[in-house]
Structure formats: structure tokens, C-alpha cells
């Protein structure tokens, strides 16, 4: 009985999120959703030397609630570019375009940046 109640609760929450997003006109592809975050958490840890080449913010406003998601784009040595979601706005503000160092990530989630020091 508990399992059925839990299943109904999960389905209800999912439906409410989708309905609210559609009412707000928010594209589900634009903002980090639960599924992509869970996929990122199950991805392996990665790291590489990189340069910060772009920054963007995604702002969602709905009534009295709002959310801001911070992203940075990193260019890897092979020319590949990855855009990572940065959960802490203070870290997002500290990372500047042109910064060089070692970036660590999991899936599409930023986990750390160690700036390169001048010798």
C-alpha cells in the first residue's frame, strides 16, 4: 500500500511540474530539470585543462517565484566546448571569461575549477 501511495505522489508531482511549466511558457529544454540532473549525478567525474570562453544566465520568473541558473562555457585543449551548470552563484561570479585552469565536472554539472598559477 505504501509503494502505491509513493508512486501516486511521484506521478502527481511530475504532472504538477509539467503543467506549471506549460502555463508559464517555459521550455523544459531550457532549464535544468530533475531527469538531466539525475543523469549528471550518475555520470563519471571528468577533469581537463580549459579556458572559460562564455557565460550566461537563465532567469525564470513565475508569479512571486523566480530562479536563476548560471552557466559557463569552457574550451578544452582539443577545441571541444562544454557548457556547465554552476550551482553556486558566488562561484559563477568569480569565474571570468579568459580564466585558465583545470575544470572538473560530472555530466553537465560544474564541480570545481583550479586556476592556473603563473610561474
PDB file of N, CA and C in Angstrom:
ATOM      1  N   UNK A   1       0.822  -1.189   0.000  1.00  0.00           N
ATOM      2  CA  UNK A   1       0.000   0.000   0.000  1.00  0.00           C
ATOM      3  C   UNK A   1       0.874   1.264   0.000  1.00  0.00           C
ATOM      4  N   UNK A   2       1.956   1.231   0.773  1.00  0.00           N
ATOM      5  CA  UNK A   2       2.883   2.366   0.828  1.00  0.00           C
ATOM      6  C   UNK A   2       3.502   2.632  -0.534  1.00  0.00           C
ATOM      7  N   UNK A   3       3.872   1.566  -1.249  1.00  0.00           N
ATOM      8  CA  UNK A   3       4.500   1.704  -2.564  1.00  0.00           C
ATOM      9  C   UNK A   3       3.539   2.366  -3.544  1.00  0.00           C
ATOM     10  N   UNK A   4       2.277   1.989  -3.508  1.00  0.00           N
ATOM     11  CA  UNK A   4       1.280   2.580  -4.403  1.00  0.00           C
ATOM     12  C   UNK A   4       1.105   4.060  -4.083  1.00  0.00           C
ATOM     13  N   UNK A   5       1.034   4.399  -2.804  1.00  0.00           N
ATOM     14  CA  UNK A   5       0.905   5.802  -2.400  1.00  0.00           C
ATOM     15  C   UNK A   5       2.100   6.628  -2.846  1.00  0.00           C
ATOM     16  N   UNK A   6       3.298   6.069  -2.709  1.00  0.00           N
ATOM     17  CA  UNK A   6       4.517   6.756  -3.134  1.00  0.00           C
ATOM     18  C   UNK A   6       4.524   6.958  -4.646  1.00  0.00           C
ATOM     19  N   UNK A   7       4.110   5.939  -5.379  1.00  0.00           N
ATOM     20  CA  UNK A   7       4.036   6.029  -6.838  1.00  0.00           C
ATOM     21  C   UNK A   7       3.063   7.131  -7.259  1.00  0.00           C
ATOM     22  N   UNK A   8       1.904   7.178  -6.642  1.00  0.00           N
ATOM     23  CA  UNK A   8       0.901   8.202  -6.963  1.00  0.00           C
ATOM     24  C   UNK A   8       1.453   9.592  -6.642  1.00  0.00           C
ATOM     25  N   UNK A   9       2.166   9.733  -5.545  1.00  0.00           N
ATOM     26  CA  UNK A   9       2.752  11.012  -5.165  1.00  0.00           C
ATOM     27  C   UNK A   9       3.782  11.477  -6.200  1.00  0.00           C
ATOM     28  N   UNK A  10       4.652  10.579  -6.630  1.00  0.00           N
ATOM     29  CA  UNK A  10       5.681  10.924  -7.623  1.00  0.00           C
ATOM     30  C   UNK A  10       5.034  11.340  -8.939  1.00  0.00           C
ATOM     31  N   UNK A  11       4.057  10.602  -9.397  1.00  0.00           N
ATOM     32  CA  UNK A  11       3.359  10.929 -10.646  1.00  0.00           C
ATOM     33  C   UNK A  11       2.658  12.283 -10.515  1.00  0.00           C
ATOM     34  N   UNK A  12       2.028  12.533  -9.384  1.00  0.00           N
ATOM     35  CA  UNK A  12       1.331  13.805  -9.167  1.00  0.00           C
ATOM     36  C   UNK A  12       2.299  14.982  -9.214  1.00  0.00           C
ATOM     37  N   UNK A  13       3.432  14.849  -8.546  1.00  0.00           N
ATOM     38  CA  UNK A  13       4.438  15.917  -8.550  1.00  0.00           C
ATOM     39  C   UNK A  13       4.935  16.165  -9.972  1.00  0.00           C
ATOM     40  N   UNK A  14       5.197  15.116 -10.712  1.00  0.00           N
ATOM     41  CA  UNK A  14       5.649  15.254 -12.092  1.00  0.00           C
ATOM     42  C   UNK A  14       4.621  15.996 -12.943  1.00  0.00           C
ATOM     43  N   UNK A  15       3.365  15.630 -12.830  1.00  0.00           N
ATOM     44  CA  UNK A  15       2.295  16.266 -13.609  1.00  0.00           C
ATOM     45  C   UNK A  15       2.177  17.744 -13.230  1.00  0.00           C
ATOM     46  N   UNK A  16       2.251  18.051 -11.943  1.00  0.00           N
ATOM     47  CA  UNK A  16       2.157  19.442 -11.491  1.00  0.00           C
ATOM     48  C   UNK A  16       3.302  20.270 -12.071  1.00  0.00           C
ATOM     49  N   UNK A  17       4.516  19.732 -12.059  1.00  0.00           N
ATOM     50  CA  UNK A  17       5.677  20.454 -12.603  1.00  0.00           C
ATOM     51  C   UNK A  17       5.490  20.724 -14.095  1.00  0.00           C
ATOM     52  N   UNK A  18       5.060  19.734 -14.834  1.00  0.00           N
ATOM     53  CA  UNK A  18       4.860  19.905 -16.279  1.00  0.00           C
ATOM     54  C   UNK A  18       3.758  20.928 -16.550  1.00  0.00           C
ATOM     55  N   UNK A  19       2.641  20.840 -15.840  1.00  0.00           N
ATOM     56  CA  UNK A  19       1.522  21.761 -16.065  1.00  0.00           C
ATOM     57  C   UNK A  19       1.945  23.188 -15.736  1.00  0.00           C
ATOM     58  N   UNK A  20       2.642  23.393 -14.622  1.00  0.00           N
ATOM     59  CA  UNK A  20       3.093  24.738 -14.263  1.00  0.00           C
ATOM     60  C   UNK A  20       4.079  25.286 -15.296  1.00  0.00           C
ATOM     61  N   UNK A  21       4.957  24.439 -15.797  1.00  0.00           N
ATOM     62  CA  UNK A  21       5.927  24.881 -16.796  1.00  0.00           C
ATOM     63  C   UNK A  21       5.230  25.297 -18.083  1.00  0.00           C
ATOM     64  N   UNK A  22       4.235  24.525 -18.494  1.00  0.00           N
ATOM     65  CA  UNK A  22       3.499  24.849 -19.716  1.00  0.00           C
ATOM     66  C   UNK A  22       2.721  26.145 -19.534  1.00  0.00           C
ATOM     67  N   UNK A  23       2.104  26.330 -18.368  1.00  0.00           N
ATOM     68  CA  UNK A  23       1.362  27.570 -18.104  1.00  0.00           C
ATOM     69  C   UNK A  23       2.281  28.779 -18.130  1.00  0.00           C
ATOM     70  N   UNK A  24       3.507  28.636 -17.645  1.00  0.00           N
ATOM     71  CA  UNK A  24       4.452  29.747 -17.615  1.00  0.00           C
ATOM     72  C   UNK A  24       5.101  29.975 -18.974  1.00  0.00           C
ATOM     73  N   UNK A  25       4.957  29.013 -19.881  1.00  0.00           N
ATOM     74  CA  UNK A  25       5.584  29.133 -21.183  1.00  0.00           C
ATOM     75  C   UNK A  25       7.068  28.832 -21.142  1.00  0.00           C
ATOM     76  N   UNK A  26       7.483  28.060 -20.164  1.00  0.00           N
ATOM     77  CA  UNK A  26       8.892  27.723 -20.014  1.00  0.00           C
ATOM     78  C   UNK A  26       9.184  26.447 -20.787  1.00  0.00           C
ATOM     79  N   UNK A  27      10.197  26.508 -21.611  1.00  0.00           N
ATOM     80  CA  UNK A  27      10.602  25.316 -22.339  1.00  0.00           C
ATOM     81  C   UNK A  27      11.298  24.370 -21.369  1.00  0.00           C
ATOM     82  N   UNK A  28      10.906  23.138 -21.364  1.00  0.00           N
ATOM     83  CA  UNK A  28      11.527  22.169 -20.473  1.00  0.00           C
ATOM     84  C   UNK A  28      12.969  21.894 -20.876  1.00  0.00           C
ATOM     85  N   UNK A  29      13.353  22.245 -22.112  1.00  0.00           N
ATOM     86  CA  UNK A  29      14.730  22.048 -22.542  1.00  0.00           C
ATOM     87  C   UNK A  29      15.646  23.181 -22.096  1.00  0.00           C
ATOM     88  N   UNK A  30      15.095  24.323 -21.705  1.00  0.00           N
ATOM     89  CA  UNK A  30      15.896  25.487 -21.358  1.00  0.00           C
ATOM     90  C   UNK A  30      16.465  25.432 -19.941  1.00  0.00           C
ATOM     91  N   UNK A  31      15.738  24.854 -19.026  1.00  0.00           N
ATOM     92  CA  UNK A  31      16.192  24.873 -17.648  1.00  0.00           C
ATOM     93  C   UNK A  31      16.558  23.464 -17.188  1.00  0.00           C
ATOM     94  N   UNK A  32      17.496  23.398 -16.232  1.00  0.00           N
ATOM     95  CA  UNK A  32      17.893  22.086 -15.734  1.00  0.00           C
ATOM     96  C   UNK A  32      16.697  21.401 -15.081  1.00  0.00           C
ATOM     97  N   UNK A  33      16.374  20.226 -15.517  1.00  0.00           N
ATOM     98  CA  UNK A  33      15.258  19.510 -14.920  1.00  0.00           C
ATOM     99  C   UNK A  33      15.774  18.342 -14.100  1.00  0.00           C
ATOM    100  N   UNK A  34      14.865  17.716 -13.391  1.00  0.00           N
ATOM    101  CA  UNK A  34      15.210  16.631 -12.479  1.00  0.00           C
ATOM    102  C   UNK A  34      15.913  15.487 -13.204  1.00  0.00           C
ATOM    103  N   UNK A  35      15.427  15.120 -14.378  1.00  0.00           N
ATOM    104  CA  UNK A  35      15.996  13.972 -15.099  1.00  0.00           C
ATOM    105  C   UNK A  35      17.432  14.256 -15.529  1.00  0.00           C
ATOM    106  N   UNK A  36      17.685  15.455 -16.100  1.00  0.00           N
ATOM    107  CA  UNK A  36      19.057  15.752 -16.532  1.00  0.00           C
ATOM    108  C   UNK A  36      19.996  15.872 -15.340  1.00  0.00           C
ATOM    109  N   UNK A  37      19.506  16.379 -14.219  1.00  0.00           N
ATOM    110  CA  UNK A  37      20.348  16.452 -13.025  1.00  0.00           C
ATOM    111  C   UNK A  37      20.676  15.055 -12.508  1.00  0.00           C
ATOM    112  N   UNK A  38      19.709  14.158 -12.533  1.00  0.00           N
ATOM    113  CA  UNK A  38      19.966  12.785 -12.078  1.00  0.00           C
ATOM    114  C   UNK A  38      20.928  12.078 -13.019  1.00  0.00           C
ATOM    115  N   UNK A  39      20.814  12.320 -14.327  1.00  0.00           N
ATOM    116  CA  UNK A  39      21.750  11.721 -15.280  1.00  0.00           C
ATOM    117  C   UNK A  39      23.158  12.241 -15.033  1.00  0.00           C
ATOM    118  N   UNK A  40      23.279  13.528 -14.724  1.00  0.00           N
ATOM    119  CA  UNK A  40      24.590  14.094 -14.436  1.00  0.00           C
ATOM    120  C   UNK A  40      25.205  13.469 -13.194  1.00  0.00           C
ATOM    121  N   UNK A  41      24.385  13.249 -12.184  1.00  0.00           N
ATOM    122  CA  UNK A  41      24.900  12.682 -10.938  1.00  0.00           C
ATOM    123  C   UNK A  41      25.400  11.255 -11.135  1.00  0.00           C
ATOM    124  N   UNK A  42      24.864  10.537 -12.121  1.00  0.00           N
ATOM    125  CA  UNK A  42      25.305   9.167 -12.360  1.00  0.00           C
ATOM    126  C   UNK A  42      26.447   9.097 -13.376  1.00  0.00           C
ATOM    127  N   UNK A  43      26.857  10.254 -13.915  1.00  0.00           N
ATOM    128  CA  UNK A  43      27.965  10.303 -14.869  1.00  0.00           C
ATOM    129  C   UNK A  43      29.297  10.244 -14.127  1.00  0.00           C
ATOM    130  N   UNK A  44      30.357   9.829 -14.820  1.00  0.00           N
ATOM    131  CA  UNK A  44      31.669   9.789 -14.166  1.00  0.00           C
ATOM    132  C   UNK A  44      32.235  11.199 -13.974  1.00  0.00           C
ATOM    133  N   UNK A  45      33.112  11.347 -12.990  1.00  0.00           N
ATOM    134  CA  UNK A  45      33.824  12.606 -12.786  1.00  0.00           C
ATOM    135  C   UNK A  45      34.813  12.799 -13.920  1.00  0.00           C
ATOM    136  N   UNK A  46      34.883  14.028 -14.439  1.00  0.00           N
ATOM    137  CA  UNK A  46      35.792  14.353 -15.537  1.00  0.00           C
ATOM    138  C   UNK A  46      36.601  15.574 -15.129  1.00  0.00           C
ATOM    139  N   UNK A  47      37.787  15.715 -15.710  1.00  0.00           N
ATOM    140  CA  UNK A  47      38.571  16.927 -15.494  1.00  0.00           C
ATOM    141  C   UNK A  47      39.470  17.156 -16.700  1.00  0.00           C
ATOM    142  N   UNK A  48      39.797  18.428 -16.935  1.00  0.00           N
ATOM    143  CA  UNK A  48      40.649  18.791 -18.060  1.00  0.00           C
ATOM    144  C   UNK A  48      41.120  20.224 -17.879  1.00  0.00           C
ATOM    145  N   UNK A  49      42.252  20.527 -18.496  1.00  0.00           N
ATOM    146  CA  UNK A  49      42.663  21.916 -18.608  1.00  0.00           C
ATOM    147  C   UNK A  49      41.634  22.588 -19.498  1.00  0.00           C
ATOM    148  N   UNK A  50      41.286  23.838 -19.202  1.00  0.00           N
ATOM    149  CA  UNK A  50      40.276  24.529 -20.001  1.00  0.00           C
ATOM    150  C   UNK A  50      40.384  26.037 -19.831  1.00  0.00           C
ATOM    151  N   UNK A  51      39.744  26.730 -20.767  1.00  0.00           N
ATOM    152  CA  UNK A  51      39.646  28.194 -20.710  1.00  0.00           C
ATOM    153  C   UNK A  51      38.166  28.553 -20.690  1.00  0.00           C
ATOM    154  N   UNK A  52      37.776  29.495 -19.818  1.00  0.00           N
ATOM    155  CA  UNK A  52      36.400  29.978 -19.781  1.00  0.00           C
ATOM    156  C   UNK A  52      36.216  30.903 -20.985  1.00  0.00           C
ATOM    157  N   UNK A  53      35.231  30.585 -21.832  1.00  0.00           N
ATOM    158  CA  UNK A  53      35.049  31.391 -23.046  1.00  0.00           C
ATOM    159  C   UNK A  53      33.685  32.071 -23.128  1.00  0.00           C
ATOM    160  N   UNK A  54      32.743  31.700 -22.263  1.00  0.00           N
ATOM    161  CA  UNK A  54      31.429  32.335 -22.315  1.00  0.00           C
ATOM    162  C   UNK A  54      30.717  32.144 -20.982  1.00  0.00           C
ATOM    163  N   UNK A  55      29.762  33.032 -20.723  1.00  0.00           N
ATOM    164  CA  UNK A  55      28.936  32.940 -19.515  1.00  0.00           C
ATOM    165  C   UNK A  55      27.521  33.343 -19.888  1.00  0.00           C
ATOM    166  N   UNK A  56      26.562  32.694 -19.250  1.00  0.00           N
ATOM    167  CA  UNK A  56      25.171  33.098 -19.464  1.00  0.00           C
ATOM    168  C   UNK A  56      24.345  32.774 -18.230  1.00  0.00           C
ATOM    169  N   UNK A  57      23.242  33.495 -18.107  1.00  0.00           N
ATOM    170  CA  UNK A  57      22.291  33.256 -17.019  1.00  0.00           C
ATOM    171  C   UNK A  57      20.928  32.969 -17.622  1.00  0.00           C
ATOM    172  N   UNK A  58      20.241  32.024 -17.037  1.00  0.00           N
ATOM    173  CA  UNK A  58      18.879  31.704 -17.454  1.00  0.00           C
ATOM    174  C   UNK A  58      17.968  32.083 -16.300  1.00  0.00           C
ATOM    175  N   UNK A  59      17.091  33.043 -16.532  1.00  0.00           N
ATOM    176  CA  UNK A  59      16.186  33.512 -15.481  1.00  0.00           C
ATOM    177  C   UNK A  59      14.770  33.050 -15.792  1.00  0.00           C
ATOM    178  N   UNK A  60      14.142  32.426 -14.817  1.00  0.00           N
ATOM    179  CA  UNK A  60      12.748  32.001 -14.929  1.00  0.00           C
ATOM    180  C   UNK A  60      11.945  32.739 -13.872  1.00  0.00           C
ATOM    181  N   UNK A  61      10.884  33.420 -14.302  1.00  0.00           N
ATOM    182  CA  UNK A  61      10.022  34.151 -13.378  1.00  0.00           C
ATOM    183  C   UNK A  61       8.605  33.631 -13.532  1.00  0.00           C
ATOM    184  N   UNK A  62       7.997  33.309 -12.403  1.00  0.00           N
ATOM    185  CA  UNK A  62       6.611  32.844 -12.420  1.00  0.00           C
ATOM    186  C   UNK A  62       5.929  33.372 -11.163  1.00  0.00           C
ATOM    187  N   UNK A  63       5.110  34.383 -11.342  1.00  0.00           N
ATOM    188  CA  UNK A  63       4.423  34.964 -10.193  1.00  0.00           C
ATOM    189  C   UNK A  63       5.424  35.535  -9.211  1.00  0.00           C
ATOM    190  N   UNK A  64       5.352  35.071  -7.990  1.00  0.00           N
ATOM    191  CA  UNK A  64       6.253  35.563  -6.952  1.00  0.00           C
ATOM    192  C   UNK A  64       7.554  34.772  -6.882  1.00  0.00           C
ATOM    193  N   UNK A  65       7.627  33.663  -7.569  1.00  0.00           N
ATOM    194  CA  UNK A  65       8.844  32.856  -7.505  1.00  0.00           C
ATOM    195  C   UNK A  65       9.689  33.068  -8.755  1.00  0.00           C
ATOM    196  N   UNK A  66      10.977  32.932  -8.561  1.00  0.00           N
ATOM    197  CA  UNK A  66      11.888  33.050  -9.698  1.00  0.00           C
ATOM    198  C   UNK A  66      13.118  32.201  -9.413  1.00  0.00           C
ATOM    199  N   UNK A  67      13.833  31.887 -10.477  1.00  0.00           N
ATOM    200  CA  UNK A  67      15.077  31.133 -10.326  1.00  0.00           C
ATOM    201  C   UNK A  67      16.072  31.634 -11.361  1.00  0.00           C
ATOM    202  N   UNK A  68      17.339  31.588 -10.992  1.00  0.00           N
ATOM    203  CA  UNK A  68      18.411  31.994 -11.898  1.00  0.00           C
ATOM    204  C   UNK A  68      19.413  30.850 -11.954  1.00  0.00           C
ATOM    205  N   UNK A  69      19.718  30.397 -13.164  1.00  0.00           N
ATOM    206  CA  UNK A  69      20.706  29.342 -13.373  1.00  0.00           C
ATOM    207  C   UNK A  69      21.908  29.954 -14.069  1.00  0.00           C
ATOM    208  N   UNK A  70      23.100  29.649 -13.558  1.00  0.00           N
ATOM    209  CA  UNK A  70      24.341  30.194 -14.107  1.00  0.00           C
ATOM    210  C   UNK A  70      25.069  29.108 -14.894  1.00  0.00           C
ATOM    211  N   UNK A  71      25.542  29.466 -16.082  1.00  0.00           N
ATOM    212  CA  UNK A  71      26.273  28.541 -16.941  1.00  0.00           C
ATOM    213  C   UNK A  71      27.585  29.187 -17.366  1.00  0.00           C
ATOM    214  N   UNK A  72      28.622  28.373 -17.512  1.00  0.00           N
ATOM    215  CA  UNK A  72      29.886  28.818 -18.094  1.00  0.00           C
ATOM    216  C   UNK A  72      30.239  27.832 -19.195  1.00  0.00           C
ATOM    217  N   UNK A  73      30.806  28.364 -20.280  1.00  0.00           N
ATOM    218  CA  UNK A  73      31.279  27.521 -21.369  1.00  0.00           C
ATOM    219  C   UNK A  73      32.796  27.465 -21.284  1.00  0.00           C
ATOM    220  N   UNK A  74      33.326  26.250 -21.337  1.00  0.00           N
ATOM    221  CA  UNK A  74      34.763  26.003 -21.260  1.00  0.00           C
ATOM    222  C   UNK A  74      35.238  25.416 -22.584  1.00  0.00           C
ATOM    223  N   UNK A  75      36.406  25.854 -23.039  1.00  0.00           N
ATOM    224  CA  UNK A  75      37.010  25.270 -24.230  1.00  0.00           C
ATOM    225  C   UNK A  75      38.165  24.386 -23.785  1.00  0.00           C
ATOM    226  N   UNK A  76      38.122  23.124 -24.204  1.00  0.00           N
ATOM    227  CA  UNK A  76      39.142  22.141 -23.833  1.00  0.00           C
ATOM    228  C   UNK A  76      40.290  22.199 -24.840  1.00  0.00           C
ATOM    229  N   UNK A  77      41.429  21.560 -24.529  1.00  0.00           N
ATOM    230  CA  UNK A  77      42.594  21.622 -25.424  1.00  0.00           C
ATOM    231  C   UNK A  77      42.331  21.134 -26.848  1.00  0.00           C
ATOM    232  N   UNK A  78      41.410  20.175 -27.007  1.00  0.00           N
ATOM    233  CA  UNK A  78      41.125  19.648 -28.347  1.00  0.00           C
ATOM    234  C   UNK A  78      40.121  20.509 -29.117  1.00  0.00           C
ATOM    235  N   UNK A  79      39.707  21.654 -28.533  1.00  0.00           N
ATOM    236  CA  UNK A  79      38.761  22.545 -29.190  1.00  0.00           C
ATOM    237  C   UNK A  79      37.311  22.284 -28.818  1.00  0.00           C
ATOM    238  N   UNK A  80      37.051  21.163 -28.149  1.00  0.00           N
ATOM    239  CA  UNK A  80      35.685  20.853 -27.726  1.00  0.00           C
ATOM    240  C   UNK A  80      35.223  21.894 -26.708  1.00  0.00           C
ATOM    241  N   UNK A  81      33.957  22.265 -26.796  1.00  0.00           N
ATOM    242  CA  UNK A  81      33.380  23.221 -25.854  1.00  0.00           C
ATOM    243  C   UNK A  81      32.289  22.540 -25.052  1.00  0.00           C
ATOM    244  N   UNK A  82      32.302  22.807 -23.744  1.00  0.00           N
ATOM    245  CA  UNK A  82      31.274  22.237 -22.877  1.00  0.00           C
ATOM    246  C   UNK A  82      30.649  23.360 -22.055  1.00  0.00           C
ATOM    247  N   UNK A  83      29.340  23.333 -21.957  1.00  0.00           N
ATOM    248  CA  UNK A  83      28.637  24.302 -21.124  1.00  0.00           C
ATOM    249  C   UNK A  83      28.203  23.585 -19.857  1.00  0.00           C
ATOM    250  N   UNK A  84      28.589  24.156 -18.713  1.00  0.00           N
ATOM    251  CA  UNK A  84      28.313  23.521 -17.438  1.00  0.00           C
ATOM    252  C   UNK A  84      27.438  24.414 -16.565  1.00  0.00           C
ATOM    253  N   UNK A  85      26.509  23.785 -15.862  1.00  0.00           N
ATOM    254  CA  UNK A  85      25.659  24.470 -14.895  1.00  0.00           C
ATOM    255  C   UNK A  85      26.449  24.644 -13.606  1.00  0.00           C
ATOM    256  N   UNK A  86      26.512  25.883 -13.114  1.00  0.00           N
ATOM    257  CA  UNK A  86      27.223  26.173 -11.870  1.00  0.00           C
ATOM    258  C   UNK A  86      26.179  26.466 -10.799  1.00  0.00           C
ATOM    259  N   UNK A  87      26.122  25.609  -9.795  1.00  0.00           N
ATOM    260  CA  UNK A  87      25.086  25.705  -8.774  1.00  0.00           C
ATOM    261  C   UNK A  87      25.233  26.876  -7.824  1.00  0.00           C
ATOM    262  N   UNK A  88      26.437  27.327  -7.564  1.00  0.00           N
ATOM    263  CA  UNK A  88      26.677  28.396  -6.599  1.00  0.00           C
ATOM    264  C   UNK A  88      26.916  29.711  -7.340  1.00  0.00           C
ATOM    265  N   UNK A  89      26.018  30.699  -7.198  1.00  0.00           N
ATOM    266  CA  UNK A  89      26.188  31.956  -7.923  1.00  0.00           C
ATOM    267  C   UNK A  89      27.468  32.702  -7.556  1.00  0.00           C
ATOM    268  N   UNK A  90      27.978  32.510  -6.342  1.00  0.00           N
ATOM    269  CA  UNK A  90      29.235  33.170  -5.951  1.00  0.00           C
ATOM    270  C   UNK A  90      30.396  32.647  -6.783  1.00  0.00           C
ATOM    271  N   UNK A  91      30.412  31.331  -7.022  1.00  0.00           N
ATOM    272  CA  UNK A  91      31.467  30.742  -7.858  1.00  0.00           C
ATOM    273  C   UNK A  91      31.301  31.220  -9.294  1.00  0.00           C
ATOM    274  N   UNK A  92      30.065  31.272  -9.770  1.00  0.00           N
ATOM    275  CA  UNK A  92      29.807  31.736 -11.139  1.00  0.00           C
ATOM    276  C   UNK A  92      30.319  33.166 -11.322  1.00  0.00           C
ATOM    277  N   UNK A  93      30.157  34.000 -10.304  1.00  0.00           N
ATOM    278  CA  UNK A  93      30.615  35.385 -10.397  1.00  0.00           C
ATOM    279  C   UNK A  93      32.140  35.485 -10.355  1.00  0.00           C
ATOM    280  N   UNK A  94      32.801  34.542  -9.703  1.00  0.00           N
ATOM    281  CA  UNK A  94      34.260  34.578  -9.588  1.00  0.00           C
ATOM    282  C   UNK A  94      34.953  34.084 -10.853  1.00  0.00           C
ATOM    283  N   UNK A  95      34.306  33.181 -11.587  1.00  0.00           N
ATOM    284  CA  UNK A  95      34.883  32.664 -12.830  1.00  0.00           C
ATOM    285  C   UNK A  95      34.664  33.666 -13.950  1.00  0.00           C
ATOM    286  N   UNK A  96      35.743  34.166 -14.513  1.00  0.00           N
ATOM    287  CA  UNK A  96      35.653  35.197 -15.542  1.00  0.00           C
ATOM    288  C   UNK A  96      36.061  34.651 -16.907  1.00  0.00           C
ATOM    289  N   UNK A  97      35.491  35.235 -17.941  1.00  0.00           N
ATOM    290  CA  UNK A  97      35.883  34.856 -19.295  1.00  0.00           C
ATOM    291  C   UNK A  97      37.377  35.109 -19.442  1.00  0.00           C
ATOM    292  N   UNK A  98      38.087  34.111 -19.960  1.00  0.00           N
ATOM    293  CA  UNK A  98      39.538  34.193 -20.112  1.00  0.00           C
ATOM    294  C   UNK A  98      40.295  33.442 -19.039  1.00  0.00           C
ATOM    295  N   UNK A  99      39.632  33.087 -17.925  1.00  0.00           N
ATOM    296  CA  UNK A  99      40.302  32.312 -16.875  1.00  0.00           C
ATOM    297  C   UNK A  99      40.751  30.971 -17.439  1.00  0.00           C
ATOM    298  N   UNK A 100      41.931  30.531 -17.017  1.00  0.00           N
ATOM    299  CA  UNK A 100      42.518  29.279 -17.483  1.00  0.00           C
ATOM    300  C   UNK A 100      42.861  28.429 -16.269  1.00  0.00           C
ATOM    301  N   UNK A 101      42.618  27.124 -16.383  1.00  0.00           N
ATOM    302  CA  UNK A 101      42.941  26.216 -15.291  1.00  0.00           C
ATOM    303  C   UNK A 101      42.357  24.848 -15.539  1.00  0.00           C
ATOM    304  N   UNK A 102      42.224  24.090 -14.469  1.00  0.00           N
ATOM    305  CA  UNK A 102      41.664  22.745 -14.552  1.00  0.00           C
ATOM    306  C   UNK A 102      40.216  22.778 -14.083  1.00  0.00           C
ATOM    307  N   UNK A 103      39.314  22.383 -14.977  1.00  0.00           N
ATOM    308  CA  UNK A 103      37.898  22.323 -14.637  1.00  0.00           C
ATOM    309  C   UNK A 103      37.532  20.874 -14.350  1.00  0.00           C
ATOM    310  N   UNK A 104      36.664  20.679 -13.368  1.00  0.00           N
ATOM    311  CA  UNK A 104      36.143  19.346 -13.043  1.00  0.00           C
ATOM    312  C   UNK A 104      34.626  19.410 -13.166  1.00  0.00           C
ATOM    313  N   UNK A 105      34.047  18.328 -13.702  1.00  0.00           N
ATOM    314  CA  UNK A 105      32.606  18.285 -13.886  1.00  0.00           C
ATOM    315  C   UNK A 105      32.104  16.856 -13.861  1.00  0.00           C
ATOM    316  N   UNK A 106      30.804  16.751 -13.721  1.00  0.00           N
ATOM    317  CA  UNK A 106      30.099  15.464 -13.766  1.00  0.00           C
ATOM    318  C   UNK A 106      28.855  15.678 -14.600  1.00  0.00           C
ATOM    319  N   UNK A 107      28.804  15.012 -15.756  1.00  0.00           N
ATOM    320  CA  UNK A 107      27.678  15.225 -16.671  1.00  0.00           C
ATOM    321  C   UNK A 107      27.718  16.653 -17.176  1.00  0.00           C
ATOM    322  N   UNK A 108      26.665  17.428 -16.895  1.00  0.00           N
ATOM    323  CA  UNK A 108      26.674  18.842 -17.274  1.00  0.00           C
ATOM    324  C   UNK A 108      26.765  19.757 -16.053  1.00  0.00           C
ATOM    325  N   UNK A 109      27.204  19.189 -14.914  1.00  0.00           N
ATOM    326  CA  UNK A 109      27.313  19.953 -13.680  1.00  0.00           C
ATOM    327  C   UNK A 109      28.760  20.277 -13.350  1.00  0.00           C
ATOM    328  N   UNK A 110      29.064  21.534 -13.180  1.00  0.00           N
ATOM    329  CA  UNK A 110      30.374  22.008 -12.756  1.00  0.00           C
ATOM    330  C   UNK A 110      30.611  21.546 -11.322  1.00  0.00           C
ATOM    331  N   UNK A 111      31.821  21.055 -11.021  1.00  0.00           N
ATOM    332  CA  UNK A 111      32.135  20.689  -9.637  1.00  0.00           C
ATOM    333  C   UNK A 111      33.292  21.472  -9.050  1.00  0.00           C
ATOM    334  N   UNK A 112      34.275  21.912  -9.886  1.00  0.00           N
ATOM    335  CA  UNK A 112      35.422  22.629  -9.345  1.00  0.00           C
ATOM    336  C   UNK A 112      36.223  23.276 -10.470  1.00  0.00           C
ATOM    337  N   UNK A 113      36.955  24.320 -10.114  1.00  0.00           N
ATOM    338  CA  UNK A 113      37.890  24.950 -11.047  1.00  0.00           C
ATOM    339  C   UNK A 113      39.121  25.356 -10.266  1.00  0.00           C
ATOM    340  N   UNK A 114      40.268  24.866 -10.711  1.00  0.00           N
ATOM    341  CA  UNK A 114      41.543  25.216 -10.097  1.00  0.00           C
ATOM    342  C   UNK A 114      42.301  26.112 -11.087  1.00  0.00           C
ATOM    343  N   UNK A 115      42.383  27.427 -10.787  1.00  0.00           N
ATOM    344  CA  UNK A 115      43.038  28.324 -11.727  1.00  0.00           C
ATOM    345  C   UNK A 115      44.514  27.986 -11.887  1.00  0.00           C
ATOM    346  N   UNK A 116      45.007  28.224 -13.090  1.00  0.00           N
ATOM    347  CA  UNK A 116      46.413  28.021 -13.369  1.00  0.00           C
ATOM    348  C   UNK A 116      47.187  29.187 -12.748  1.00  0.00           C
ATOM    349  N   UNK A 117      48.274  28.868 -12.059  1.00  0.00           N
ATOM    350  CA  UNK A 117      49.076  29.929 -11.438  1.00  0.00           C
ATOM    351  C   UNK A 117      50.253  30.264 -12.335  1.00  0.00           C
ATOM    352  N   UNK A 118      50.604  31.532 -12.351  1.00  0.00           N
ATOM    353  CA  UNK A 118      51.749  31.969 -13.145  1.00  0.00           C
ATOM    354  C   UNK A 118      53.043  31.577 -12.453  1.00  0.00           C
ATOM    355  N   UNK A 119      54.022  31.163 -13.226  1.00  0.00           N
ATOM    356  CA  UNK A 119      55.308  30.755 -12.636  1.00  0.00           C
ATOM    357  C   UNK A 119      56.369  31.749 -12.970  1.00  0.00           C
TER     358      UNK A 119
END
